Amino acid sequence: MTDRARFTGSSVIVTGAASGIGRETAIRFAAEGAKVTVADIDEAGARATVDAIEAAGHTARVSVTDVSSTEAVRSMVDGAVATYGRLDVLHNNAYWAPINRTVTDTSDEEWERTIAITLKSVFLGCKFGIEAMLGNGGGTIVNTASTAGLVASPSFAAYMAAKGGVIALTRSVAFDYGKQGIRCNAVAPGLTRTAATDPVFADQDRLDFLTAKLLLGRAGEPVDIAMAVLFLASAESGFMTGQTMVVDGGRLIA
């Protein structure tokens, strides 16, 4: 997969790592030398990610984590530090959202679950991750935002609000902690093919709207996003903080 070793000896947490972008990112961090905490509420999926990492001769562990729970996220971070001695990189990647919901169509329960899993989880990850990183002189945080936090898509109110919040929170963390050695950036994927986006690909009207704007002629794959995350987490982006890197096949400029 790679002959690079940008993360040798680093302790990395990836949330939402049981499948899709999170799984690919966790595997690639491990391939570059990281000791990875694979965090997800889906224990079987998280175990499959760890199995893939270990089969390649690398190091990883499962953390069964409800990212909307304060105590669960605290435990996730504490477990990584207890096992690997430190925390160097945090990739807040988990999300949930209903599609085909305008504001008036969105139930209270859908709104609250979207905000809890997609936005509150990033707040909690940063809160406890920063505390751990300060103990070893700094670290890097990469949050998964979305092009939906930057431009409109039809009937996607809760998700757009949550991802817009992720972008704003990323800037806030970068502003407050940069002088303490912590960088915080976001990656904003466009349409990406994963199990979680199957409902989008099954919705022909939405798919037509999105694919018409893809200048590179294809949807993204998890590897496209994973490689951007690794760049933002590495020393190669060492003079970047508070930024949102768009990885969208040209959708935003179309």
C-alpha atoms as a PDB file:
ATOM      1  CA  MET A   1       0.000   0.000   0.000  1.00  0.00           C
ATOM      2  CA  THR A   2       2.822   2.398   0.846  1.00  0.00           C
ATOM      3  CA  ASP A   3       6.527   2.369   1.573  1.00  0.00           C
ATOM      4  CA  ARG A   4       6.312   5.485   3.703  1.00  0.00           C
ATOM      5  CA  ALA A   5       6.545   5.582   7.488  1.00  0.00           C
ATOM      6  CA  ARG A   6       5.296   9.016   8.510  1.00  0.00           C
ATOM      7  CA  PHE A   7       3.659   7.751  11.702  1.00  0.00           C
ATOM      8  CA  THR A   8       6.193   5.286  13.097  1.00  0.00           C
ATOM      9  CA  GLY A   9       5.592   4.912  16.825  1.00  0.00           C
ATOM     10  CA  SER A  10       2.622   7.290  16.856  1.00  0.00           C
ATOM     11  CA  SER A  11      -0.578   6.519  18.736  1.00  0.00           C
ATOM     12  CA  VAL A  12      -3.604   7.218  16.521  1.00  0.00           C
ATOM     13  CA  ILE A  13      -7.353   7.032  17.176  1.00  0.00           C
ATOM     14  CA  VAL A  14      -9.793   6.737  14.263  1.00  0.00           C
ATOM     15  CA  THR A  15     -13.523   6.858  15.024  1.00  0.00           C
ATOM     16  CA  GLY A  16     -16.112   5.319  12.734  1.00  0.00           C
ATOM     17  CA  ALA A  17     -13.380   2.871  11.744  1.00  0.00           C
ATOM     18  CA  ALA A  18     -15.510  -0.268  11.337  1.00  0.00           C
ATOM     19  CA  SER A  19     -16.030   0.417   7.629  1.00  0.00           C
ATOM     20  CA  GLY A  20     -15.686   2.883   4.787  1.00  0.00           C
ATOM     21  CA  ILE A  21     -13.445   5.919   5.123  1.00  0.00           C
ATOM     22  CA  GLY A  22     -12.618   5.148   8.739  1.00  0.00           C
ATOM     23  CA  ARG A  23     -11.499   1.595   8.017  1.00  0.00           C
ATOM     24  CA  GLU A  24      -9.353   2.640   5.054  1.00  0.00           C
ATOM     25  CA  THR A  25      -7.786   5.446   7.068  1.00  0.00           C
ATOM     26  CA  ALA A  26      -7.027   3.204  10.038  1.00  0.00           C
ATOM     27  CA  ILE A  27      -5.399   0.610   7.765  1.00  0.00           C
ATOM     28  CA  ARG A  28      -3.230   3.234   6.089  1.00  0.00           C
ATOM     29  CA  PHE A  29      -2.150   4.835   9.374  1.00  0.00           C
ATOM     30  CA  ALA A  30      -1.074   1.386  10.566  1.00  0.00           C
ATOM     31  CA  ALA A  31       0.742   0.678   7.302  1.00  0.00           C
ATOM     32  CA  GLU A  32       2.806   3.810   7.937  1.00  0.00           C
ATOM     33  CA  GLY A  33       3.848   2.692  11.398  1.00  0.00           C
ATOM     34  CA  ALA A  34       1.084   3.955  13.687  1.00  0.00           C
ATOM     35  CA  LYS A  35      -0.371   2.042  16.606  1.00  0.00           C
ATOM     36  CA  VAL A  36      -4.068   2.465  15.893  1.00  0.00           C
ATOM     37  CA  THR A  37      -7.109   2.494  18.150  1.00  0.00           C
ATOM     38  CA  VAL A  38     -10.024   1.428  15.945  1.00  0.00           C
ATOM     39  CA  ALA A  39     -13.097   3.019  17.523  1.00  0.00           C
ATOM     40  CA  ASP A  40     -16.669   2.237  16.548  1.00  0.00           C
ATOM     41  CA  ILE A  41     -19.963   1.186  18.116  1.00  0.00           C
ATOM     42  CA  ASP A  42     -19.948  -1.745  15.670  1.00  0.00           C
ATOM     43  CA  GLU A  43     -17.680  -4.200  17.489  1.00  0.00           C
ATOM     44  CA  ALA A  44     -17.677  -6.821  14.722  1.00  0.00           C
ATOM     45  CA  GLY A  45     -16.763  -4.254  12.089  1.00  0.00           C
ATOM     46  CA  ALA A  46     -14.056  -2.758  14.287  1.00  0.00           C
ATOM     47  CA  ARG A  47     -12.627  -6.220  14.896  1.00  0.00           C
ATOM     48  CA  ALA A  48     -12.553  -6.867  11.138  1.00  0.00           C
ATOM     49  CA  THR A  49     -10.549  -3.664  10.659  1.00  0.00           C
ATOM     50  CA  VAL A  50      -8.095  -4.690  13.369  1.00  0.00           C
ATOM     51  CA  ASP A  51      -7.823  -8.173  11.869  1.00  0.00           C
ATOM     52  CA  ALA A  52      -6.905  -6.645   8.494  1.00  0.00           C
ATOM     53  CA  ILE A  53      -4.256  -4.459  10.145  1.00  0.00           C
ATOM     54  CA  GLU A  54      -2.767  -7.307  12.145  1.00  0.00           C
ATOM     55  CA  ALA A  55      -2.778  -9.629   9.138  1.00  0.00           C
ATOM     56  CA  ALA A  56      -0.465  -7.127   7.442  1.00  0.00           C
ATOM     57  CA  GLY A  57       1.891  -7.240  10.419  1.00  0.00           C
ATOM     58  CA  HIS A  58       0.866  -3.958  12.015  1.00  0.00           C
ATOM     59  CA  THR A  59      -0.544  -2.896  15.393  1.00  0.00           C
ATOM     60  CA  ALA A  60      -4.128  -2.024  16.310  1.00  0.00           C
ATOM     61  CA  ARG A  61      -6.750  -2.476  19.010  1.00  0.00           C
ATOM     62  CA  VAL A  62     -10.541  -2.261  19.199  1.00  0.00           C
ATOM     63  CA  SER A  63     -12.341   0.376  21.236  1.00  0.00           C
ATOM     64  CA  VAL A  64     -16.109  -0.209  21.253  1.00  0.00           C
ATOM     65  CA  THR A  65     -17.267   3.388  21.513  1.00  0.00           C
ATOM     66  CA  ASP A  66     -20.555   5.271  21.356  1.00  0.00           C
ATOM     67  CA  VAL A  67     -19.083   8.561  20.173  1.00  0.00           C
ATOM     68  CA  SER A  68     -22.121  10.512  21.390  1.00  0.00           C
ATOM     69  CA  SER A  69     -21.398   9.479  25.009  1.00  0.00           C
ATOM     70  CA  THR A  70     -19.099  11.605  27.154  1.00  0.00           C
ATOM     71  CA  GLU A  71     -17.937   8.688  29.272  1.00  0.00           C
ATOM     72  CA  ALA A  72     -17.429   6.412  26.264  1.00  0.00           C
ATOM     73  CA  VAL A  73     -15.230   8.948  24.476  1.00  0.00           C
ATOM     74  CA  ARG A  74     -13.277   9.650  27.650  1.00  0.00           C
ATOM     75  CA  SER A  75     -12.718   5.893  27.992  1.00  0.00           C
ATOM     76  CA  MET A  76     -11.689   5.638  24.316  1.00  0.00           C
ATOM     77  CA  VAL A  77      -8.948   8.223  24.796  1.00  0.00           C
ATOM     78  CA  ASP A  78      -7.866   6.866  28.183  1.00  0.00           C
ATOM     79  CA  GLY A  79      -7.624   3.364  26.704  1.00  0.00           C
ATOM     80  CA  ALA A  80      -5.394   4.522  23.866  1.00  0.00           C
ATOM     81  CA  VAL A  81      -3.086   6.340  26.278  1.00  0.00           C
ATOM     82  CA  ALA A  82      -3.012   3.405  28.706  1.00  0.00           C
ATOM     83  CA  THR A  83      -2.157   0.963  25.918  1.00  0.00           C
ATOM     84  CA  TYR A  84       0.226   2.997  23.782  1.00  0.00           C
ATOM     85  CA  GLY A  85       1.506   5.531  26.299  1.00  0.00           C
ATOM     86  CA  ARG A  86       0.321   8.674  24.501  1.00  0.00           C
ATOM     87  CA  LEU A  87      -2.012  10.111  21.864  1.00  0.00           C
ATOM     88  CA  ASP A  88      -0.505  11.795  18.810  1.00  0.00           C
ATOM     89  CA  VAL A  89      -3.294  11.836  16.208  1.00  0.00           C
ATOM     90  CA  LEU A  90      -7.083  11.875  16.471  1.00  0.00           C
ATOM     91  CA  HIS A  91      -9.302  11.416  13.422  1.00  0.00           C
ATOM     92  CA  ASN A  92     -12.898  12.265  14.330  1.00  0.00           C
ATOM     93  CA  ASN A  93     -14.717  10.517  11.507  1.00  0.00           C
ATOM     94  CA  ALA A  94     -17.973   8.959  12.811  1.00  0.00           C
ATOM     95  CA  TYR A  95     -21.306  10.335  11.597  1.00  0.00           C
ATOM     96  CA  TRP A  96     -25.002   9.603  11.195  1.00  0.00           C
ATOM     97  CA  ALA A  97     -27.741  11.483   9.338  1.00  0.00           C
ATOM     98  CA  PRO A  98     -31.088  10.875   7.646  1.00  0.00           C
ATOM     99  CA  ILE A  99     -31.453  11.789   3.962  1.00  0.00           C
ATOM    100  CA  ASN A 100     -34.427  13.368   2.213  1.00  0.00           C
ATOM    101  CA  ARG A 101     -35.291  15.522   5.209  1.00  0.00           C
ATOM    102  CA  THR A 102     -35.913  19.246   4.977  1.00  0.00           C
ATOM    103  CA  VAL A 103     -36.158  21.198   8.224  1.00  0.00           C
ATOM    104  CA  THR A 104     -39.905  20.638   8.410  1.00  0.00           C
ATOM    105  CA  ASP A 105     -39.536  16.933   7.613  1.00  0.00           C
ATOM    106  CA  THR A 106     -36.886  16.319  10.277  1.00  0.00           C
ATOM    107  CA  SER A 107     -38.122  14.849  13.539  1.00  0.00           C
ATOM    108  CA  ASP A 108     -36.724  15.928  16.889  1.00  0.00           C
ATOM    109  CA  GLU A 109     -35.204  12.481  17.295  1.00  0.00           C
ATOM    110  CA  GLU A 110     -33.476  12.609  13.886  1.00  0.00           C
ATOM    111  CA  TRP A 111     -32.114  16.077  14.605  1.00  0.00           C
ATOM    112  CA  GLU A 112     -30.814  15.130  18.021  1.00  0.00           C
ATOM    113  CA  ARG A 113     -29.212  11.890  16.835  1.00  0.00           C
ATOM    114  CA  THR A 114     -27.509  13.640  13.904  1.00  0.00           C
ATOM    115  CA  ILE A 115     -26.107  16.377  16.109  1.00  0.00           C
ATOM    116  CA  ALA A 116     -25.024  13.874  18.783  1.00  0.00           C
ATOM    117  CA  ILE A 117     -23.172  11.472  16.479  1.00  0.00           C
ATOM    118  CA  THR A 118     -21.961  13.898  13.803  1.00  0.00           C
ATOM    119  CA  LEU A 119     -21.120  17.046  15.800  1.00  0.00           C
ATOM    120  CA  LYS A 120     -21.126  16.347  19.542  1.00  0.00           C
ATOM    121  CA  SER A 121     -18.781  13.418  18.888  1.00  0.00           C
ATOM    122  CA  VAL A 122     -16.213  15.798  17.409  1.00  0.00           C
ATOM    123  CA  PHE A 123     -16.551  18.109  20.410  1.00  0.00           C
ATOM    124  CA  LEU A 124     -16.030  15.184  22.790  1.00  0.00           C
ATOM    125  CA  GLY A 125     -13.125  13.767  20.798  1.00  0.00           C
ATOM    126  CA  CYS A 126     -11.394  17.134  20.777  1.00  0.00           C
ATOM    127  CA  LYS A 127     -12.144  17.755  24.450  1.00  0.00           C
ATOM    128  CA  PHE A 128     -10.529  14.574  25.709  1.00  0.00           C
ATOM    129  CA  GLY A 129      -8.045  14.182  22.875  1.00  0.00           C
ATOM    130  CA  ILE A 130      -6.566  17.627  23.489  1.00  0.00           C
ATOM    131  CA  GLU A 131      -6.138  16.883  27.184  1.00  0.00           C
ATOM    132  CA  ALA A 132      -4.141  13.770  26.293  1.00  0.00           C
ATOM    133  CA  MET A 133      -2.106  15.500  23.581  1.00  0.00           C
ATOM    134  CA  LEU A 134      -1.100  18.345  25.868  1.00  0.00           C
ATOM    135  CA  GLY A 135       0.538  15.749  28.096  1.00  0.00           C
ATOM    136  CA  ASN A 136       3.023  14.912  25.344  1.00  0.00           C
ATOM    137  CA  GLY A 137       3.582  18.398  23.956  1.00  0.00           C
ATOM    138  CA  GLY A 138       0.983  18.477  21.200  1.00  0.00           C
ATOM    139  CA  GLY A 139      -0.573  16.487  18.396  1.00  0.00           C
ATOM    140  CA  THR A 140      -2.817  16.680  15.372  1.00  0.00           C
ATOM    141  CA  ILE A 141      -6.576  16.403  14.960  1.00  0.00           C
ATOM    142  CA  VAL A 142      -8.326  15.778  11.657  1.00  0.00           C
ATOM    143  CA  ASN A 143     -12.107  16.096  11.628  1.00  0.00           C
ATOM    144  CA  THR A 144     -14.277  14.686   8.859  1.00  0.00           C
ATOM    145  CA  ALA A 145     -16.497  17.496   7.619  1.00  0.00           C
ATOM    146  CA  SER A 146     -18.286  17.397   4.241  1.00  0.00           C
ATOM    147  CA  THR A 147     -18.957  19.499   1.185  1.00  0.00           C
ATOM    148  CA  ALA A 148     -22.484  19.575   2.655  1.00  0.00           C
ATOM    149  CA  GLY A 149     -21.078  21.894   5.307  1.00  0.00           C
ATOM    150  CA  LEU A 150     -19.988  24.332   2.600  1.00  0.00           C
ATOM    151  CA  VAL A 151     -22.667  24.211  -0.123  1.00  0.00           C
ATOM    152  CA  ALA A 152     -26.301  23.157  -0.248  1.00  0.00           C
ATOM    153  CA  SER A 153     -27.727  19.771  -1.126  1.00  0.00           C
ATOM    154  CA  PRO A 154     -31.457  19.097  -1.320  1.00  0.00           C
ATOM    155  CA  SER A 155     -33.335  17.922   1.786  1.00  0.00           C
ATOM    156  CA  PHE A 156     -30.341  17.325   4.025  1.00  0.00           C
ATOM    157  CA  ALA A 157     -30.927  19.870   6.799  1.00  0.00           C
ATOM    158  CA  ALA A 158     -29.611  18.138   9.922  1.00  0.00           C
ATOM    159  CA  TYR A 159     -26.502  16.770   8.226  1.00  0.00           C
ATOM    160  CA  MET A 160     -25.633  20.130   6.676  1.00  0.00           C
ATOM    161  CA  ALA A 161     -26.031  21.858  10.036  1.00  0.00           C
ATOM    162  CA  ALA A 162     -23.881  19.281  11.800  1.00  0.00           C
ATOM    163  CA  LYS A 163     -21.098  19.360   9.221  1.00  0.00           C
ATOM    164  CA  GLY A 164     -21.110  23.150   9.171  1.00  0.00           C
ATOM    165  CA  GLY A 165     -20.629  22.947  12.911  1.00  0.00           C
ATOM    166  CA  VAL A 166     -17.673  20.584  12.472  1.00  0.00           C
ATOM    167  CA  ILE A 167     -15.978  23.135  10.224  1.00  0.00           C
ATOM    168  CA  ALA A 168     -16.553  25.965  12.712  1.00  0.00           C
ATOM    169  CA  LEU A 169     -15.401  23.836  15.655  1.00  0.00           C
ATOM    170  CA  THR A 170     -12.247  22.899  13.741  1.00  0.00           C
ATOM    171  CA  ARG A 171     -11.365  26.583  13.432  1.00  0.00           C
ATOM    172  CA  SER A 172     -12.090  27.200  17.103  1.00  0.00           C
ATOM    173  CA  VAL A 173      -9.838  24.365  18.261  1.00  0.00           C
ATOM    174  CA  ALA A 174      -7.073  25.487  15.907  1.00  0.00           C
ATOM    175  CA  PHE A 175      -7.297  29.048  17.228  1.00  0.00           C
ATOM    176  CA  ASP A 176      -7.296  28.107  20.907  1.00  0.00           C
ATOM    177  CA  TYR A 177      -4.612  25.409  20.925  1.00  0.00           C
ATOM    178  CA  GLY A 178      -2.165  26.195  18.124  1.00  0.00           C
ATOM    179  CA  LYS A 179       0.326  27.831  20.467  1.00  0.00           C
ATOM    180  CA  GLN A 180       0.234  24.705  22.634  1.00  0.00           C
ATOM    181  CA  GLY A 181       1.387  22.502  19.787  1.00  0.00           C
ATOM    182  CA  ILE A 182      -1.946  21.179  18.548  1.00  0.00           C
ATOM    183  CA  ARG A 183      -2.988  21.484  14.922  1.00  0.00           C
ATOM    184  CA  CYS A 184      -6.609  20.917  13.935  1.00  0.00           C
ATOM    185  CA  ASN A 185      -7.823  20.651  10.335  1.00  0.00           C
ATOM    186  CA  ALA A 186     -10.797  19.126   8.560  1.00  0.00           C
ATOM    187  CA  VAL A 187     -11.255  17.102   5.411  1.00  0.00           C
ATOM    188  CA  ALA A 188     -14.459  17.697   3.438  1.00  0.00           C
ATOM    189  CA  PRO A 189     -15.319  14.710   1.242  1.00  0.00           C
ATOM    190  CA  GLY A 190     -17.698  15.000  -1.638  1.00  0.00           C
ATOM    191  CA  LEU A 191     -19.745  12.052  -2.846  1.00  0.00           C
ATOM    192  CA  THR A 192     -17.830   8.967  -1.689  1.00  0.00           C
ATOM    193  CA  ARG A 193     -18.816   5.342  -2.179  1.00  0.00           C
ATOM    194  CA  THR A 194     -19.100   3.513   1.146  1.00  0.00           C
ATOM    195  CA  ALA A 195     -21.632   1.259   2.849  1.00  0.00           C
ATOM    196  CA  ALA A 196     -22.870   4.289   4.785  1.00  0.00           C
ATOM    197  CA  THR A 197     -23.647   6.171   1.558  1.00  0.00           C
ATOM    198  CA  ASP A 198     -25.567   3.301  -0.059  1.00  0.00           C
ATOM    199  CA  PRO A 199     -28.864   5.178   0.518  1.00  0.00           C
ATOM    200  CA  VAL A 200     -27.480   8.164  -1.416  1.00  0.00           C
ATOM    201  CA  PHE A 201     -26.419   5.989  -4.347  1.00  0.00           C
ATOM    202  CA  ALA A 202     -29.861   4.327  -4.286  1.00  0.00           C
ATOM    203  CA  ASP A 203     -31.630   7.708  -4.514  1.00  0.00           C
ATOM    204  CA  GLN A 204     -31.536   8.407  -8.246  1.00  0.00           C
ATOM    205  CA  ASP A 205     -32.647  12.041  -8.080  1.00  0.00           C
ATOM    206  CA  ARG A 206     -30.021  12.889  -5.467  1.00  0.00           C
ATOM    207  CA  LEU A 207     -27.385  10.872  -7.293  1.00  0.00           C
ATOM    208  CA  ASP A 208     -28.108  12.672 -10.564  1.00  0.00           C
ATOM    209  CA  PHE A 209     -27.812  16.052  -8.791  1.00  0.00           C
ATOM    210  CA  LEU A 210     -24.440  15.120  -7.289  1.00  0.00           C
ATOM    211  CA  THR A 211     -22.827  13.289 -10.189  1.00  0.00           C
ATOM    212  CA  ALA A 212     -23.675  16.079 -12.630  1.00  0.00           C
ATOM    213  CA  LYS A 213     -21.205  18.230 -10.699  1.00  0.00           C
ATOM    214  CA  LEU A 214     -18.315  15.757 -10.539  1.00  0.00           C
ATOM    215  CA  LEU A 215     -15.739  17.196 -12.923  1.00  0.00           C
ATOM    216  CA  LEU A 216     -13.469  14.175 -12.599  1.00  0.00           C
ATOM    217  CA  GLY A 217     -16.248  11.894 -13.769  1.00  0.00           C
ATOM    218  CA  ARG A 218     -16.494   9.566 -10.782  1.00  0.00           C
ATOM    219  CA  ALA A 219     -17.490   9.360  -7.157  1.00  0.00           C
ATOM    220  CA  GLY A 220     -14.797   9.250  -4.528  1.00  0.00           C
ATOM    221  CA  GLU A 221     -13.475   6.075  -2.940  1.00  0.00           C
ATOM    222  CA  PRO A 222     -12.401   5.712   0.718  1.00  0.00           C
ATOM    223  CA  VAL A 223      -8.742   5.770  -0.283  1.00  0.00           C
ATOM    224  CA  ASP A 224      -9.170   9.233  -1.808  1.00  0.00           C
ATOM    225  CA  ILE A 225     -10.237  10.607   1.561  1.00  0.00           C
ATOM    226  CA  ALA A 226      -7.842   8.504   3.623  1.00  0.00           C
ATOM    227  CA  MET A 227      -4.784   9.860   1.844  1.00  0.00           C
ATOM    228  CA  ALA A 228      -5.938  13.429   2.472  1.00  0.00           C
ATOM    229  CA  VAL A 229      -6.413  12.630   6.158  1.00  0.00           C
ATOM    230  CA  LEU A 230      -2.904  11.196   6.413  1.00  0.00           C
ATOM    231  CA  PHE A 231      -1.463  14.297   4.782  1.00  0.00           C
ATOM    232  CA  LEU A 232      -3.282  16.571   7.232  1.00  0.00           C
ATOM    233  CA  ALA A 233      -2.138  14.429  10.159  1.00  0.00           C
ATOM    234  CA  SER A 234       1.493  14.331   9.043  1.00  0.00           C
ATOM    235  CA  ALA A 235       4.388  16.760   9.349  1.00  0.00           C
ATOM    236  CA  GLU A 236       3.976  17.461   5.623  1.00  0.00           C
ATOM    237  CA  SER A 237       1.089  19.794   6.531  1.00  0.00           C
ATOM    238  CA  GLY A 238       2.961  21.235   9.502  1.00  0.00           C
ATOM    239  CA  PHE A 239       2.172  24.873   8.635  1.00  0.00           C
ATOM    240  CA  MET A 240      -1.569  24.234   8.204  1.00  0.00           C
ATOM    241  CA  THR A 241      -4.178  24.602  10.917  1.00  0.00           C
ATOM    242  CA  GLY A 242      -7.837  25.585  11.015  1.00  0.00           C
ATOM    243  CA  GLN A 243      -8.254  24.643   7.363  1.00  0.00           C
ATOM    244  CA  THR A 244     -10.853  22.561   5.565  1.00  0.00           C
ATOM    245  CA  MET A 245      -9.415  20.508   2.706  1.00  0.00           C
ATOM    246  CA  VAL A 246     -12.051  19.721   0.072  1.00  0.00           C
ATOM    247  CA  VAL A 247     -11.744  16.330  -1.651  1.00  0.00           C
ATOM    248  CA  ASP A 248     -14.727  16.254  -3.970  1.00  0.00           C
ATOM    249  CA  GLY A 249     -13.825  15.519  -7.602  1.00  0.00           C
ATOM    250  CA  GLY A 250     -14.428  19.180  -8.472  1.00  0.00           C
ATOM    251  CA  ARG A 251     -17.983  19.415  -7.231  1.00  0.00           C
ATOM    252  CA  LEU A 252     -17.598  22.771  -5.449  1.00  0.00           C
ATOM    253  CA  ILE A 253     -16.213  24.589  -8.460  1.00  0.00           C
ATOM    254  CA  ALA A 254     -18.730  23.149 -10.940  1.00  0.00           C
END
